[in-house]
Amino acid sequence: ISNTSSAALLMSYFTEIPISECVGSGTGL
């Protein structure tokens, strides 16, 4: 639970894509 948050942070770090474009609904937000 919440590992999409970690994945979004890692994605932004390694790709340099803004966090806003890395964050999705996860388990249903």
PDB file of all heavy atoms in Angstrom:
ATOM      1  N   ILE A   1       0.842  -1.188   0.000  1.00  0.00           N
ATOM      2  CA  ILE A   1       0.000   0.000   0.000  1.00  0.00           C
ATOM      3  C   ILE A   1       0.885   1.250   0.000  1.00  0.00           C
ATOM      4  O   ILE A   1       1.808   1.370   0.800  1.00  0.00           O
ATOM      5  CB  ILE A   1      -0.957  -0.002   1.210  1.00  0.00           C
ATOM      6  CG1 ILE A   1      -1.958  -1.167   1.095  1.00  0.00           C
ATOM      7  CG2 ILE A   1      -1.692   1.327   1.340  1.00  0.00           C
ATOM      8  CD1 ILE A   1      -2.853  -1.094  -0.136  1.00  0.00           C
ATOM      9  N   SER A   2       0.603   2.160  -0.923  1.00  0.00           N
ATOM     10  CA  SER A   2       1.339   3.415  -1.163  1.00  0.00           C
ATOM     11  C   SER A   2       2.597   3.229  -2.009  1.00  0.00           C
ATOM     12  O   SER A   2       3.360   4.188  -2.172  1.00  0.00           O
ATOM     13  CB  SER A   2       1.713   4.136   0.140  1.00  0.00           C
ATOM     14  OG  SER A   2       0.565   4.687   0.739  1.00  0.00           O
ATOM     15  N   ASN A   3       2.814   2.049  -2.586  1.00  0.00           N
ATOM     16  CA  ASN A   3       4.044   1.924  -3.376  1.00  0.00           C
ATOM     17  C   ASN A   3       3.970   2.662  -4.710  1.00  0.00           C
ATOM     18  O   ASN A   3       5.007   2.923  -5.326  1.00  0.00           O
ATOM     19  CB  ASN A   3       4.507   0.470  -3.533  1.00  0.00           C
ATOM     20  CG  ASN A   3       3.559  -0.415  -4.308  1.00  0.00           C
ATOM     21  OD1 ASN A   3       2.585   0.041  -4.883  1.00  0.00           O
ATOM     22  ND2 ASN A   3       3.852  -1.707  -4.315  1.00  0.00           N
ATOM     23  N   THR A   4       2.777   3.066  -5.153  1.00  0.00           N
ATOM     24  CA  THR A   4       2.735   3.927  -6.341  1.00  0.00           C
ATOM     25  C   THR A   4       3.325   5.309  -6.038  1.00  0.00           C
ATOM     26  O   THR A   4       3.834   5.979  -6.942  1.00  0.00           O
ATOM     27  CB  THR A   4       1.308   4.089  -6.891  1.00  0.00           C
ATOM     28  OG1 THR A   4       0.458   4.624  -5.877  1.00  0.00           O
ATOM     29  CG2 THR A   4       0.758   2.767  -7.399  1.00  0.00           C
ATOM     30  N   SER A   5       3.263   5.726  -4.772  1.00  0.00           N
ATOM     31  CA  SER A   5       3.875   7.004  -4.396  1.00  0.00           C
ATOM     32  C   SER A   5       5.392   6.910  -4.514  1.00  0.00           C
ATOM     33  O   SER A   5       6.043   7.800  -5.083  1.00  0.00           O
ATOM     34  CB  SER A   5       3.474   7.389  -2.967  1.00  0.00           C
ATOM     35  OG  SER A   5       2.088   7.652  -2.882  1.00  0.00           O
ATOM     36  N   SER A   6       5.972   5.843  -3.989  1.00  0.00           N
ATOM     37  CA  SER A   6       7.411   5.633  -4.132  1.00  0.00           C
ATOM     38  C   SER A   6       7.805   5.539  -5.599  1.00  0.00           C
ATOM     39  O   SER A   6       8.811   6.115  -6.028  1.00  0.00           O
ATOM     40  CB  SER A   6       7.842   4.359  -3.402  1.00  0.00           C
ATOM     41  OG  SER A   6       7.987   4.586  -2.030  1.00  0.00           O
ATOM     42  N   ALA A   7       7.011   4.815  -6.375  1.00  0.00           N
ATOM     43  CA  ALA A   7       7.317   4.647  -7.800  1.00  0.00           C
ATOM     44  C   ALA A   7       7.278   5.984  -8.532  1.00  0.00           C
ATOM     45  O   ALA A   7       8.117   6.249  -9.406  1.00  0.00           O
ATOM     46  CB  ALA A   7       6.347   3.661  -8.432  1.00  0.00           C
ATOM     47  N   ALA A   8       6.323   6.833  -8.181  1.00  0.00           N
ATOM     48  CA  ALA A   8       6.223   8.151  -8.816  1.00  0.00           C
ATOM     49  C   ALA A   8       7.438   9.011  -8.490  1.00  0.00           C
ATOM     50  O   ALA A   8       7.984   9.712  -9.355  1.00  0.00           O
ATOM     51  CB  ALA A   8       4.937   8.842  -8.383  1.00  0.00           C
ATOM     52  N   LEU A   9       7.879   8.973  -7.233  1.00  0.00           N
ATOM     53  CA  LEU A   9       9.063   9.727  -6.830  1.00  0.00           C
ATOM     54  C   LEU A   9      10.309   9.224  -7.559  1.00  0.00           C
ATOM     55  O   LEU A   9      11.127  10.013  -8.053  1.00  0.00           O
ATOM     56  CB  LEU A   9       9.259   9.629  -5.319  1.00  0.00           C
ATOM     57  CG  LEU A   9       8.251  10.398  -4.464  1.00  0.00           C
ATOM     58  CD1 LEU A   9       8.276   9.902  -3.019  1.00  0.00           C
ATOM     59  CD2 LEU A   9       8.535  11.901  -4.516  1.00  0.00           C
ATOM     60  N   LEU A  10      10.457   7.908  -7.640  1.00  0.00           N
ATOM     61  CA  LEU A  10      11.606   7.331  -8.343  1.00  0.00           C
ATOM     62  C   LEU A  10      11.544   7.649  -9.833  1.00  0.00           C
ATOM     63  O   LEU A  10      12.561   7.979 -10.459  1.00  0.00           O
ATOM     64  CB  LEU A  10      11.650   5.822  -8.117  1.00  0.00           C
ATOM     65  CG  LEU A  10      11.974   5.379  -6.687  1.00  0.00           C
ATOM     66  CD1 LEU A  10      11.684   3.895  -6.511  1.00  0.00           C
ATOM     67  CD2 LEU A  10      13.434   5.684  -6.328  1.00  0.00           C
ATOM     68  N   MET A  11      10.362   7.575 -10.388  1.00  0.00           N
ATOM     69  CA  MET A  11      10.188   7.906 -11.798  1.00  0.00           C
ATOM     70  C   MET A  11      10.636   9.335 -12.074  1.00  0.00           C
ATOM     71  O   MET A  11      11.383   9.607 -13.024  1.00  0.00           O
ATOM     72  CB  MET A  11       8.723   7.732 -12.201  1.00  0.00           C
ATOM     73  CG  MET A  11       8.408   8.214 -13.606  1.00  0.00           C
ATOM     74  SD  MET A  11       6.628   8.166 -13.946  1.00  0.00           S
ATOM     75  CE  MET A  11       6.586   9.018 -15.542  1.00  0.00           C
ATOM     76  N   SER A  12      10.193  10.268 -11.252  1.00  0.00           N
ATOM     77  CA  SER A  12      10.545  11.665 -11.444  1.00  0.00           C
ATOM     78  C   SER A  12      12.055  11.866 -11.320  1.00  0.00           C
ATOM     79  O   SER A  12      12.666  12.605 -12.110  1.00  0.00           O
ATOM     80  CB  SER A  12       9.804  12.543 -10.433  1.00  0.00           C
ATOM     81  OG  SER A  12      10.008  13.910 -10.706  1.00  0.00           O
ATOM     82  N   TYR A  13      12.669  11.183 -10.363  1.00  0.00           N
ATOM     83  CA  TYR A  13      14.112  11.318 -10.172  1.00  0.00           C
ATOM     84  C   TYR A  13      14.892  10.808 -11.392  1.00  0.00           C
ATOM     85  O   TYR A  13      15.800  11.486 -11.884  1.00  0.00           O
ATOM     86  CB  TYR A  13      14.554  10.559  -8.921  1.00  0.00           C
ATOM     87  CG  TYR A  13      16.050  10.597  -8.706  1.00  0.00           C
ATOM     88  CD1 TYR A  13      16.660  11.705  -8.126  1.00  0.00           C
ATOM     89  CD2 TYR A  13      16.866   9.536  -9.113  1.00  0.00           C
ATOM     90  CE1 TYR A  13      18.040  11.757  -7.949  1.00  0.00           C
ATOM     91  CE2 TYR A  13      18.249   9.587  -8.939  1.00  0.00           C
ATOM     92  CZ  TYR A  13      18.822  10.696  -8.357  1.00  0.00           C
ATOM     93  OH  TYR A  13      20.189  10.753  -8.195  1.00  0.00           O
ATOM     94  N   PHE A  14      14.551   9.632 -11.881  1.00  0.00           N
ATOM     95  CA  PHE A  14      15.345   9.020 -12.944  1.00  0.00           C
ATOM     96  C   PHE A  14      15.022   9.558 -14.334  1.00  0.00           C
ATOM     97  O   PHE A  14      15.880   9.536 -15.224  1.00  0.00           O
ATOM     98  CB  PHE A  14      15.187   7.500 -12.920  1.00  0.00           C
ATOM     99  CG  PHE A  14      15.863   6.853 -11.746  1.00  0.00           C
ATOM    100  CD1 PHE A  14      15.122   6.268 -10.729  1.00  0.00           C
ATOM    101  CD2 PHE A  14      17.238   6.853 -11.641  1.00  0.00           C
ATOM    102  CE1 PHE A  14      15.745   5.682  -9.629  1.00  0.00           C
ATOM    103  CE2 PHE A  14      17.883   6.273 -10.543  1.00  0.00           C
ATOM    104  CZ  PHE A  14      17.127   5.690  -9.541  1.00  0.00           C
ATOM    105  N   THR A  15      13.805  10.034 -14.543  1.00  0.00           N
ATOM    106  CA  THR A  15      13.413  10.527 -15.866  1.00  0.00           C
ATOM    107  C   THR A  15      13.431  12.045 -15.969  1.00  0.00           C
ATOM    108  O   THR A  15      13.374  12.584 -17.072  1.00  0.00           O
ATOM    109  CB  THR A  15      12.001  10.051 -16.241  1.00  0.00           C
ATOM    110  OG1 THR A  15      11.051  10.665 -15.351  1.00  0.00           O
ATOM    111  CG2 THR A  15      11.886   8.532 -16.158  1.00  0.00           C
ATOM    112  N   GLU A  16      13.444  12.722 -14.812  1.00  0.00           N
ATOM    113  CA  GLU A  16      13.359  14.181 -14.732  1.00  0.00           C
ATOM    114  C   GLU A  16      12.023  14.704 -15.255  1.00  0.00           C
ATOM    115  O   GLU A  16      11.908  15.866 -15.672  1.00  0.00           O
ATOM    116  CB  GLU A  16      14.534  14.845 -15.464  1.00  0.00           C
ATOM    117  CG  GLU A  16      15.894  14.460 -14.874  1.00  0.00           C
ATOM    118  CD  GLU A  16      17.060  15.173 -15.536  1.00  0.00           C
ATOM    119  OE1 GLU A  16      16.842  15.853 -16.551  1.00  0.00           O
ATOM    120  OE2 GLU A  16      18.195  15.054 -15.028  1.00  0.00           O
ATOM    121  N   ILE A  17      11.015  13.867 -15.212  1.00  0.00           N
ATOM    122  CA  ILE A  17       9.646  14.281 -15.536  1.00  0.00           C
ATOM    123  C   ILE A  17       9.015  14.850 -14.265  1.00  0.00           C
ATOM    124  O   ILE A  17       9.164  14.267 -13.195  1.00  0.00           O
ATOM    125  CB  ILE A  17       8.829  13.087 -16.061  1.00  0.00           C
ATOM    126  CG1 ILE A  17       9.406  12.607 -17.394  1.00  0.00           C
ATOM    127  CG2 ILE A  17       7.354  13.453 -16.213  1.00  0.00           C
ATOM    128  CD1 ILE A  17       8.791  11.311 -17.903  1.00  0.00           C
ATOM    129  N   PRO A  18       8.310  15.976 -14.339  1.00  0.00           N
ATOM    130  CA  PRO A  18       7.709  16.572 -13.138  1.00  0.00           C
ATOM    131  C   PRO A  18       6.798  15.594 -12.398  1.00  0.00           C
ATOM    132  O   PRO A  18       6.105  14.779 -13.027  1.00  0.00           O
ATOM    133  CB  PRO A  18       6.917  17.765 -13.676  1.00  0.00           C
ATOM    134  CG  PRO A  18       7.564  18.100 -14.983  1.00  0.00           C
ATOM    135  CD  PRO A  18       8.047  16.795 -15.541  1.00  0.00           C
ATOM    136  N   ILE A  19       6.783  15.704 -11.081  1.00  0.00           N
ATOM    137  CA  ILE A  19       5.957  14.828 -10.242  1.00  0.00           C
ATOM    138  C   ILE A  19       4.500  14.828 -10.697  1.00  0.00           C
ATOM    139  O   ILE A  19       3.833  13.788 -10.703  1.00  0.00           O
ATOM    140  CB  ILE A  19       6.050  15.269  -8.761  1.00  0.00           C
ATOM    141  CG1 ILE A  19       7.338  14.738  -8.122  1.00  0.00           C
ATOM    142  CG2 ILE A  19       4.857  14.765  -7.958  1.00  0.00           C
ATOM    143  CD1 ILE A  19       7.324  13.247  -7.838  1.00  0.00           C
ATOM    144  N   SER A  20       3.998  15.969 -11.101  1.00  0.00           N
ATOM    145  CA  SER A  20       2.588  16.067 -11.495  1.00  0.00           C
ATOM    146  C   SER A  20       2.242  15.131 -12.646  1.00  0.00           C
ATOM    147  O   SER A  20       1.094  14.702 -12.792  1.00  0.00           O
ATOM    148  CB  SER A  20       2.239  17.499 -11.885  1.00  0.00           C
ATOM    149  OG  SER A  20       3.041  17.934 -12.973  1.00  0.00           O
ATOM    150  N   GLU A  21       3.244  14.792 -13.471  1.00  0.00           N
ATOM    151  CA  GLU A  21       3.013  13.894 -14.604  1.00  0.00           C
ATOM    152  C   GLU A  21       3.310  12.438 -14.261  1.00  0.00           C
ATOM    153  O   GLU A  21       3.101  11.551 -15.086  1.00  0.00           O
ATOM    154  CB  GLU A  21       3.874  14.326 -15.795  1.00  0.00           C
ATOM    155  CG  GLU A  21       3.549  15.712 -16.319  1.00  0.00           C
ATOM    156  CD  GLU A  21       4.420  16.105 -17.492  1.00  0.00           C
ATOM    157  OE1 GLU A  21       4.728  15.221 -18.319  1.00  0.00           O
ATOM    158  OE2 GLU A  21       4.802  17.284 -17.581  1.00  0.00           O
ATOM    159  N   CYS A  22       3.791  12.214 -13.052  1.00  0.00           N
ATOM    160  CA  CYS A  22       4.141  10.859 -12.620  1.00  0.00           C
ATOM    161  C   CYS A  22       3.092  10.242 -11.697  1.00  0.00           C
ATOM    162  O   CYS A  22       3.088   9.031 -11.485  1.00  0.00           O
ATOM    163  CB  CYS A  22       5.482  10.870 -11.884  1.00  0.00           C
ATOM    164  SG  CYS A  22       6.864  11.533 -12.848  1.00  0.00           S
ATOM    165  N   VAL A  23       2.238  11.058 -11.128  1.00  0.00           N
ATOM    166  CA  VAL A  23       1.282  10.606 -10.109  1.00  0.00           C
ATOM    167  C   VAL A  23      -0.056  10.261 -10.746  1.00  0.00           C
ATOM    168  O   VAL A  23      -0.643  11.078 -11.469  1.00  0.00           O
ATOM    169  CB  VAL A  23       1.078  11.691  -9.027  1.00  0.00           C
ATOM    170  CG1 VAL A  23      -0.016  11.274  -8.052  1.00  0.00           C
ATOM    171  CG2 VAL A  23       2.379  11.947  -8.281  1.00  0.00           C
ATOM    172  N   GLY A  24      -0.543   9.055 -10.456  1.00  0.00           N
ATOM    173  CA  GLY A  24      -1.851   8.627 -10.932  1.00  0.00           C
ATOM    174  C   GLY A  24      -2.768   8.288  -9.776  1.00  0.00           C
ATOM    175  O   GLY A  24      -2.533   8.686  -8.630  1.00  0.00           O
ATOM    176  N   SER A  25      -3.783   7.511 -10.061  1.00  0.00           N
ATOM    177  CA  SER A  25      -4.815   7.225  -9.058  1.00  0.00           C
ATOM    178  C   SER A  25      -4.427   6.111  -8.098  1.00  0.00           C
ATOM    179  O   SER A  25      -5.083   5.906  -7.078  1.00  0.00           O
ATOM    180  CB  SER A  25      -6.132   6.866  -9.741  1.00  0.00           C
ATOM    181  OG  SER A  25      -5.992   5.694 -10.524  1.00  0.00           O
ATOM    182  N   GLY A  26      -3.342   5.368  -8.437  1.00  0.00           N
ATOM    183  CA  GLY A  26      -2.931   4.286  -7.539  1.00  0.00           C
ATOM    184  C   GLY A  26      -4.036   3.268  -7.369  1.00  0.00           C
ATOM    185  O   GLY A  26      -4.549   2.715  -8.338  1.00  0.00           O
ATOM    186  N   THR A  27      -4.428   3.034  -6.115  1.00  0.00           N
ATOM    187  CA  THR A  27      -5.467   2.040  -5.843  1.00  0.00           C
ATOM    188  C   THR A  27      -6.868   2.624  -5.896  1.00  0.00           C
ATOM    189  O   THR A  27      -7.803   2.013  -5.398  1.00  0.00           O
ATOM    190  CB  THR A  27      -5.235   1.396  -4.460  1.00  0.00           C
ATOM    191  OG1 THR A  27      -5.007   2.428  -3.499  1.00  0.00           O
ATOM    192  CG2 THR A  27      -4.040   0.460  -4.489  1.00  0.00           C
ATOM    193  N   GLY A  28      -7.006   3.799  -6.494  1.00  0.00           N
ATOM    194  CA  GLY A  28      -8.360   4.301  -6.716  1.00  0.00           C
ATOM    195  C   GLY A  28      -8.678   5.678  -6.182  1.00  0.00           C
ATOM    196  O   GLY A  28      -9.828   5.950  -5.825  1.00  0.00           O
ATOM    197  N   LEU A  29      -7.709   6.583  -6.139  1.00  0.00           N
ATOM    198  CA  LEU A  29      -7.967   7.949  -5.684  1.00  0.00           C
ATOM    199  C   LEU A  29      -8.843   8.694  -6.689  1.00  0.00           C
ATOM    200  O   LEU A  29      -8.720   8.501  -7.903  1.00  0.00           O
ATOM    201  CB  LEU A  29      -6.651   8.710  -5.516  1.00  0.00           C
ATOM    202  CG  LEU A  29      -5.730   8.299  -4.359  1.00  0.00           C
ATOM    203  CD1 LEU A  29      -4.408   9.049  -4.474  1.00  0.00           C
ATOM    204  CD2 LEU A  29      -6.388   8.583  -3.020  1.00  0.00           C
TER     205      LEU A  29
END
